[in-house]
Amino acid sequence: MGGERAEVVGRLDEKGGARCHLILNASAHHRALHDGRLVITGTAPHDLQFTHGDGRPYGAPPPPSSRFATEEDDLIADAESALRNLGFSAVHARQAVKLARAHVSAEATTQDLVREALRARRA
């Protein structure tokens, strides 16, 4: 990624107020943002926070993981994938499944979890 960088560009909006936009010139970071692996919150240019999709500060090492995914991991991954196939962004799919998981039983199927995520979105 030599020479690639991020820039904050300021512009005036129609009402004369300042608006800032972050431009990611680093293609890997741009892809990570759209894939939900990089989350940027805050207000440009001086109050931006960068985190991994799982909430860790950007650059922090991943948590130790088990060698094998659990059934719960598979359920969540399948539900997120289903929502992504319906047009949700990775970030919104992850958020919807996380919220829905609290409202379905421990024995819920992927279909139950996806239905709850969609129901909650309409509410």
N, C-alpha and C. Protein backbone atom coordinates (compact mmCIF):
# COMPACT_ATOMS: atom_id res chain seq x y z
N MET A 1 0.82 -1.19 0.00
CA MET A 1 0.00 0.00 0.00
C MET A 1 0.86 1.24 0.00
N GLY A 2 2.04 1.16 -0.54
CA GLY A 2 2.92 2.31 -0.56
C GLY A 2 2.28 3.50 -1.23
N GLY A 3 2.34 4.65 -0.59
CA GLY A 3 1.83 5.87 -1.16
C GLY A 3 0.33 6.06 -1.00
N GLU A 4 -0.40 5.07 -0.55
CA GLU A 4 -1.84 5.22 -0.37
C GLU A 4 -2.10 5.89 0.96
N ARG A 5 -3.14 6.70 1.03
CA ARG A 5 -3.42 7.44 2.26
C ARG A 5 -4.91 7.78 2.35
N ALA A 6 -5.30 8.29 3.50
CA ALA A 6 -6.67 8.77 3.70
C ALA A 6 -6.61 10.28 3.80
N GLU A 7 -7.62 10.95 3.27
CA GLU A 7 -7.70 12.40 3.32
C GLU A 7 -9.05 12.81 3.86
N VAL A 8 -9.08 13.91 4.57
CA VAL A 8 -10.35 14.51 4.97
C VAL A 8 -10.53 15.74 4.09
N VAL A 9 -11.63 15.75 3.37
CA VAL A 9 -11.91 16.85 2.44
C VAL A 9 -13.08 17.65 2.99
N GLY A 10 -12.89 18.96 3.13
CA GLY A 10 -13.95 19.83 3.62
C GLY A 10 -14.65 20.52 2.47
N ARG A 11 -15.96 20.64 2.59
CA ARG A 11 -16.77 21.33 1.59
C ARG A 11 -17.86 22.09 2.32
N LEU A 12 -18.41 23.10 1.68
CA LEU A 12 -19.56 23.80 2.23
C LEU A 12 -20.81 23.17 1.66
N ASP A 13 -21.82 22.99 2.53
CA ASP A 13 -23.08 22.46 2.02
C ASP A 13 -23.94 23.60 1.49
N GLU A 14 -25.15 23.30 1.07
CA GLU A 14 -26.03 24.31 0.46
C GLU A 14 -26.34 25.47 1.40
N LYS A 15 -26.30 25.24 2.70
CA LYS A 15 -26.63 26.26 3.68
C LYS A 15 -25.40 27.00 4.17
N GLY A 16 -24.25 26.74 3.59
CA GLY A 16 -23.02 27.42 3.98
C GLY A 16 -22.31 26.77 5.15
N GLY A 17 -22.82 25.64 5.63
CA GLY A 17 -22.16 24.94 6.73
C GLY A 17 -21.06 24.04 6.21
N ALA A 18 -20.07 23.82 7.03
CA ALA A 18 -18.96 22.97 6.63
C ALA A 18 -19.36 21.51 6.73
N ARG A 19 -18.98 20.72 5.74
CA ARG A 19 -19.17 19.27 5.76
C ARG A 19 -17.83 18.66 5.41
N CYS A 20 -17.47 17.63 6.12
CA CYS A 20 -16.21 16.96 5.86
C CYS A 20 -16.48 15.52 5.46
N HIS A 21 -15.68 15.03 4.55
CA HIS A 21 -15.79 13.66 4.09
C HIS A 21 -14.43 13.01 4.16
N LEU A 22 -14.41 11.77 4.60
CA LEU A 22 -13.17 11.00 4.63
C LEU A 22 -13.04 10.25 3.32
N ILE A 23 -11.93 10.42 2.66
CA ILE A 23 -11.66 9.71 1.42
C ILE A 23 -10.57 8.69 1.70
N LEU A 24 -10.90 7.41 1.49
CA LEU A 24 -9.93 6.36 1.71
C LEU A 24 -9.26 6.03 0.38
N ASN A 25 -8.02 6.46 0.26
CA ASN A 25 -7.27 6.18 -0.95
C ASN A 25 -6.60 4.81 -0.90
N ALA A 26 -6.51 4.22 0.27
CA ALA A 26 -5.93 2.89 0.42
C ALA A 26 -7.01 1.88 0.08
N SER A 27 -6.84 1.17 -1.01
CA SER A 27 -7.89 0.27 -1.48
C SER A 27 -8.24 -0.80 -0.46
N ALA A 28 -7.27 -1.30 0.28
CA ALA A 28 -7.56 -2.32 1.29
C ALA A 28 -8.47 -1.77 2.38
N HIS A 29 -8.25 -0.53 2.81
CA HIS A 29 -9.09 0.07 3.83
C HIS A 29 -10.48 0.37 3.28
N HIS A 30 -10.54 0.78 2.03
CA HIS A 30 -11.82 1.06 1.39
C HIS A 30 -12.67 -0.22 1.35
N ARG A 31 -12.06 -1.32 0.94
CA ARG A 31 -12.77 -2.62 0.91
C ARG A 31 -13.17 -3.04 2.31
N ALA A 32 -12.27 -2.86 3.28
CA ALA A 32 -12.57 -3.24 4.66
C ALA A 32 -13.77 -2.46 5.19
N LEU A 33 -13.87 -1.19 4.84
CA LEU A 33 -15.00 -0.36 5.27
C LEU A 33 -16.30 -0.91 4.69
N HIS A 34 -16.33 -1.21 3.40
CA HIS A 34 -17.54 -1.71 2.76
C HIS A 34 -17.88 -3.13 3.17
N ASP A 35 -16.88 -3.91 3.56
CA ASP A 35 -17.12 -5.29 4.02
C ASP A 35 -17.51 -5.35 5.49
N GLY A 36 -17.44 -4.21 6.18
CA GLY A 36 -17.79 -4.19 7.60
C GLY A 36 -16.66 -4.58 8.53
N ARG A 37 -15.46 -4.76 7.98
CA ARG A 37 -14.31 -5.12 8.82
C ARG A 37 -13.68 -3.89 9.43
N LEU A 38 -13.94 -2.70 8.88
CA LEU A 38 -13.47 -1.42 9.41
C LEU A 38 -14.71 -0.56 9.62
N VAL A 39 -14.82 0.03 10.81
CA VAL A 39 -15.95 0.90 11.13
C VAL A 39 -15.38 2.26 11.52
N ILE A 40 -15.90 3.31 10.89
CA ILE A 40 -15.45 4.68 11.18
C ILE A 40 -16.65 5.45 11.70
N THR A 41 -16.52 6.00 12.90
CA THR A 41 -17.58 6.79 13.49
C THR A 41 -17.01 8.14 13.90
N GLY A 42 -17.89 9.06 14.24
CA GLY A 42 -17.45 10.37 14.70
C GLY A 42 -17.65 11.43 13.63
N THR A 43 -17.04 12.57 13.86
CA THR A 43 -17.17 13.71 12.98
C THR A 43 -15.80 14.10 12.45
N ALA A 44 -15.70 14.20 11.12
CA ALA A 44 -14.45 14.61 10.50
C ALA A 44 -14.27 16.11 10.71
N PRO A 45 -13.08 16.62 10.78
CA PRO A 45 -11.83 15.91 10.60
C PRO A 45 -11.14 15.52 11.90
N HIS A 46 -11.61 16.01 13.06
CA HIS A 46 -10.83 15.83 14.29
C HIS A 46 -11.42 14.85 15.30
N ASP A 47 -12.58 14.27 15.01
CA ASP A 47 -13.21 13.40 16.00
C ASP A 47 -13.63 12.08 15.34
N LEU A 48 -12.70 11.40 14.72
CA LEU A 48 -12.98 10.12 14.08
C LEU A 48 -12.47 8.99 14.94
N GLN A 49 -13.27 7.92 15.04
CA GLN A 49 -12.85 6.72 15.75
C GLN A 49 -12.85 5.58 14.74
N PHE A 50 -11.82 4.76 14.79
CA PHE A 50 -11.66 3.63 13.89
C PHE A 50 -11.66 2.35 14.71
N THR A 51 -12.56 1.43 14.36
CA THR A 51 -12.62 0.15 15.05
C THR A 51 -12.76 -0.98 14.03
N HIS A 52 -12.43 -2.18 14.47
CA HIS A 52 -12.70 -3.36 13.67
C HIS A 52 -14.20 -3.61 13.72
N GLY A 53 -14.71 -4.41 12.80
CA GLY A 53 -16.13 -4.73 12.77
C GLY A 53 -16.64 -5.35 14.05
N ASP A 54 -15.77 -6.01 14.81
CA ASP A 54 -16.19 -6.64 16.07
C ASP A 54 -16.08 -5.69 17.27
N GLY A 55 -15.72 -4.41 17.01
CA GLY A 55 -15.67 -3.41 18.07
C GLY A 55 -14.30 -3.14 18.67
N ARG A 56 -13.29 -3.98 18.32
CA ARG A 56 -11.94 -3.73 18.83
C ARG A 56 -11.38 -2.46 18.21
N PRO A 57 -10.56 -1.71 18.95
CA PRO A 57 -9.89 -0.56 18.34
C PRO A 57 -9.10 -1.02 17.11
N TYR A 58 -9.11 -0.19 16.07
CA TYR A 58 -8.43 -0.60 14.84
C TYR A 58 -6.93 -0.77 15.11
N GLY A 59 -6.39 -1.88 14.68
CA GLY A 59 -5.00 -2.21 14.90
C GLY A 59 -4.78 -3.14 16.07
N ALA A 60 -5.81 -3.30 16.94
CA ALA A 60 -5.69 -4.21 18.07
C ALA A 60 -5.69 -5.65 17.56
N PRO A 61 -4.94 -6.52 18.20
CA PRO A 61 -4.90 -7.91 17.74
C PRO A 61 -6.25 -8.58 17.94
N PRO A 62 -6.56 -9.56 17.11
CA PRO A 62 -7.82 -10.28 17.30
C PRO A 62 -7.79 -11.09 18.58
N PRO A 63 -8.97 -11.34 19.15
CA PRO A 63 -9.00 -12.14 20.37
C PRO A 63 -8.61 -13.58 20.06
N PRO A 64 -8.09 -14.28 21.06
CA PRO A 64 -7.77 -15.68 20.82
C PRO A 64 -9.05 -16.42 20.44
N SER A 65 -8.99 -17.24 19.44
CA SER A 65 -10.19 -17.94 19.01
C SER A 65 -10.03 -19.43 19.24
N SER A 66 -11.15 -20.08 19.31
CA SER A 66 -11.11 -21.53 19.46
C SER A 66 -10.75 -22.13 18.11
N ARG A 67 -10.29 -23.36 18.12
CA ARG A 67 -9.90 -24.01 16.87
C ARG A 67 -11.11 -24.35 16.02
N PHE A 68 -12.25 -24.51 16.65
CA PHE A 68 -13.45 -24.91 15.92
C PHE A 68 -14.58 -23.95 16.23
N ALA A 69 -15.34 -23.60 15.21
CA ALA A 69 -16.49 -22.74 15.42
C ALA A 69 -17.57 -23.51 16.16
N THR A 70 -18.31 -22.81 16.98
CA THR A 70 -19.41 -23.43 17.71
C THR A 70 -20.67 -23.40 16.85
N GLU A 71 -21.69 -24.12 17.27
CA GLU A 71 -22.97 -24.07 16.57
C GLU A 71 -23.53 -22.66 16.58
N GLU A 72 -23.33 -21.95 17.69
CA GLU A 72 -23.79 -20.56 17.79
C GLU A 72 -23.08 -19.69 16.76
N ASP A 73 -21.77 -19.86 16.60
CA ASP A 73 -21.01 -19.11 15.60
C ASP A 73 -21.57 -19.37 14.21
N ASP A 74 -21.87 -20.64 13.91
CA ASP A 74 -22.41 -21.00 12.61
C ASP A 74 -23.78 -20.38 12.39
N LEU A 75 -24.63 -20.41 13.42
CA LEU A 75 -25.97 -19.83 13.32
C LEU A 75 -25.88 -18.34 13.00
N ILE A 76 -25.04 -17.64 13.72
CA ILE A 76 -24.88 -16.19 13.52
C ILE A 76 -24.31 -15.90 12.14
N ALA A 77 -23.29 -16.64 11.73
CA ALA A 77 -22.68 -16.43 10.41
C ALA A 77 -23.70 -16.69 9.31
N ASP A 78 -24.50 -17.74 9.45
CA ASP A 78 -25.51 -18.04 8.42
C ASP A 78 -26.58 -16.96 8.36
N ALA A 79 -27.02 -16.46 9.50
CA ALA A 79 -28.03 -15.40 9.53
C ALA A 79 -27.48 -14.11 8.93
N GLU A 80 -26.24 -13.76 9.27
CA GLU A 80 -25.62 -12.56 8.69
C GLU A 80 -25.49 -12.72 7.18
N SER A 81 -25.10 -13.89 6.72
CA SER A 81 -24.96 -14.14 5.29
C SER A 81 -26.31 -14.00 4.59
N ALA A 82 -27.36 -14.52 5.19
CA ALA A 82 -28.70 -14.41 4.60
C ALA A 82 -29.10 -12.95 4.46
N LEU A 83 -28.85 -12.14 5.49
CA LEU A 83 -29.18 -10.72 5.42
C LEU A 83 -28.33 -10.00 4.38
N ARG A 84 -27.06 -10.38 4.28
CA ARG A 84 -26.20 -9.78 3.24
C ARG A 84 -26.76 -10.09 1.85
N ASN A 85 -27.26 -11.32 1.66
CA ASN A 85 -27.84 -11.70 0.38
C ASN A 85 -29.14 -10.96 0.09
N LEU A 86 -29.77 -10.43 1.13
CA LEU A 86 -30.97 -9.61 0.96
C LEU A 86 -30.64 -8.14 0.76
N GLY A 87 -29.35 -7.80 0.74
CA GLY A 87 -28.93 -6.43 0.47
C GLY A 87 -28.44 -5.64 1.67
N PHE A 88 -28.41 -6.24 2.86
CA PHE A 88 -27.86 -5.55 4.03
C PHE A 88 -26.35 -5.40 3.86
N SER A 89 -25.80 -4.31 4.36
CA SER A 89 -24.34 -4.18 4.43
C SER A 89 -23.86 -5.13 5.52
N ALA A 90 -22.59 -5.43 5.53
CA ALA A 90 -22.03 -6.31 6.56
C ALA A 90 -22.27 -5.75 7.95
N VAL A 91 -22.10 -4.46 8.11
CA VAL A 91 -22.28 -3.82 9.42
C VAL A 91 -23.73 -3.92 9.87
N HIS A 92 -24.66 -3.61 8.96
CA HIS A 92 -26.08 -3.65 9.32
C HIS A 92 -26.55 -5.08 9.57
N ALA A 93 -26.04 -6.03 8.81
CA ALA A 93 -26.40 -7.44 9.03
C ALA A 93 -25.92 -7.88 10.42
N ARG A 94 -24.70 -7.53 10.77
CA ARG A 94 -24.14 -7.91 12.07
C ARG A 94 -24.96 -7.29 13.20
N GLN A 95 -25.31 -6.01 13.06
CA GLN A 95 -26.09 -5.33 14.09
C GLN A 95 -27.49 -5.94 14.22
N ALA A 96 -28.12 -6.23 13.09
CA ALA A 96 -29.48 -6.79 13.10
C ALA A 96 -29.49 -8.17 13.75
N VAL A 97 -28.52 -8.99 13.45
CA VAL A 97 -28.46 -10.33 14.03
C VAL A 97 -28.18 -10.24 15.52
N LYS A 98 -27.30 -9.35 15.91
CA LYS A 98 -26.98 -9.20 17.33
C LYS A 98 -28.23 -8.80 18.12
N LEU A 99 -29.00 -7.85 17.58
CA LEU A 99 -30.22 -7.43 18.26
C LEU A 99 -31.27 -8.53 18.25
N ALA A 100 -31.40 -9.23 17.12
CA ALA A 100 -32.41 -10.29 17.01
C ALA A 100 -32.10 -11.46 17.93
N ARG A 101 -30.82 -11.75 18.13
CA ARG A 101 -30.43 -12.92 18.92
C ARG A 101 -31.00 -12.84 20.34
N ALA A 102 -31.14 -11.64 20.86
CA ALA A 102 -31.67 -11.47 22.21
C ALA A 102 -33.17 -11.75 22.30
N HIS A 103 -33.85 -11.86 21.14
CA HIS A 103 -35.30 -12.02 21.12
C HIS A 103 -35.78 -13.37 20.61
N VAL A 104 -34.87 -14.30 20.39
CA VAL A 104 -35.26 -15.65 19.96
C VAL A 104 -34.73 -16.65 20.98
N SER A 105 -35.30 -17.83 20.96
CA SER A 105 -34.90 -18.84 21.93
C SER A 105 -33.51 -19.39 21.64
N ALA A 106 -32.96 -20.06 22.61
CA ALA A 106 -31.64 -20.68 22.45
C ALA A 106 -31.67 -21.76 21.37
N GLU A 107 -32.85 -22.31 21.10
CA GLU A 107 -32.99 -23.37 20.08
C GLU A 107 -33.36 -22.80 18.71
N ALA A 108 -33.28 -21.49 18.53
CA ALA A 108 -33.68 -20.86 17.27
C ALA A 108 -32.87 -21.38 16.09
N THR A 109 -33.54 -21.42 14.95
CA THR A 109 -32.88 -21.80 13.70
C THR A 109 -32.40 -20.53 13.00
N THR A 110 -31.64 -20.72 11.95
CA THR A 110 -31.21 -19.57 11.13
C THR A 110 -32.43 -18.82 10.63
N GLN A 111 -33.44 -19.55 10.17
CA GLN A 111 -34.65 -18.93 9.65
C GLN A 111 -35.34 -18.09 10.74
N ASP A 112 -35.41 -18.60 11.96
CA ASP A 112 -35.99 -17.85 13.08
C ASP A 112 -35.23 -16.55 13.32
N LEU A 113 -33.92 -16.65 13.30
CA LEU A 113 -33.08 -15.49 13.58
C LEU A 113 -33.21 -14.43 12.48
N VAL A 114 -33.24 -14.86 11.23
CA VAL A 114 -33.39 -13.92 10.11
C VAL A 114 -34.77 -13.26 10.17
N ARG A 115 -35.81 -14.05 10.43
CA ARG A 115 -37.16 -13.47 10.52
C ARG A 115 -37.24 -12.42 11.61
N GLU A 116 -36.63 -12.70 12.77
CA GLU A 116 -36.65 -11.73 13.86
C GLU A 116 -35.88 -10.46 13.48
N ALA A 117 -34.77 -10.61 12.81
CA ALA A 117 -33.99 -9.44 12.38
C ALA A 117 -34.81 -8.59 11.42
N LEU A 118 -35.51 -9.22 10.50
CA LEU A 118 -36.33 -8.49 9.53
C LEU A 118 -37.55 -7.85 10.23
N ARG A 119 -38.16 -8.59 11.16
CA ARG A 119 -39.31 -8.06 11.89
C ARG A 119 -38.89 -6.82 12.69
N ALA A 120 -37.77 -6.89 13.36
CA ALA A 120 -37.29 -5.77 14.18
C ALA A 120 -36.98 -4.56 13.31
N ARG A 121 -36.49 -4.81 12.12
CA ARG A 121 -36.16 -3.69 11.22
C ARG A 121 -37.42 -2.95 10.78
N ARG A 122 -38.52 -3.69 10.58
CA ARG A 122 -39.78 -3.07 10.14
C ARG A 122 -40.46 -2.34 11.28
N ALA A 123 -40.18 -2.75 12.51
CA ALA A 123 -40.89 -2.16 13.68
C ALA A 123 -40.45 -0.74 13.95
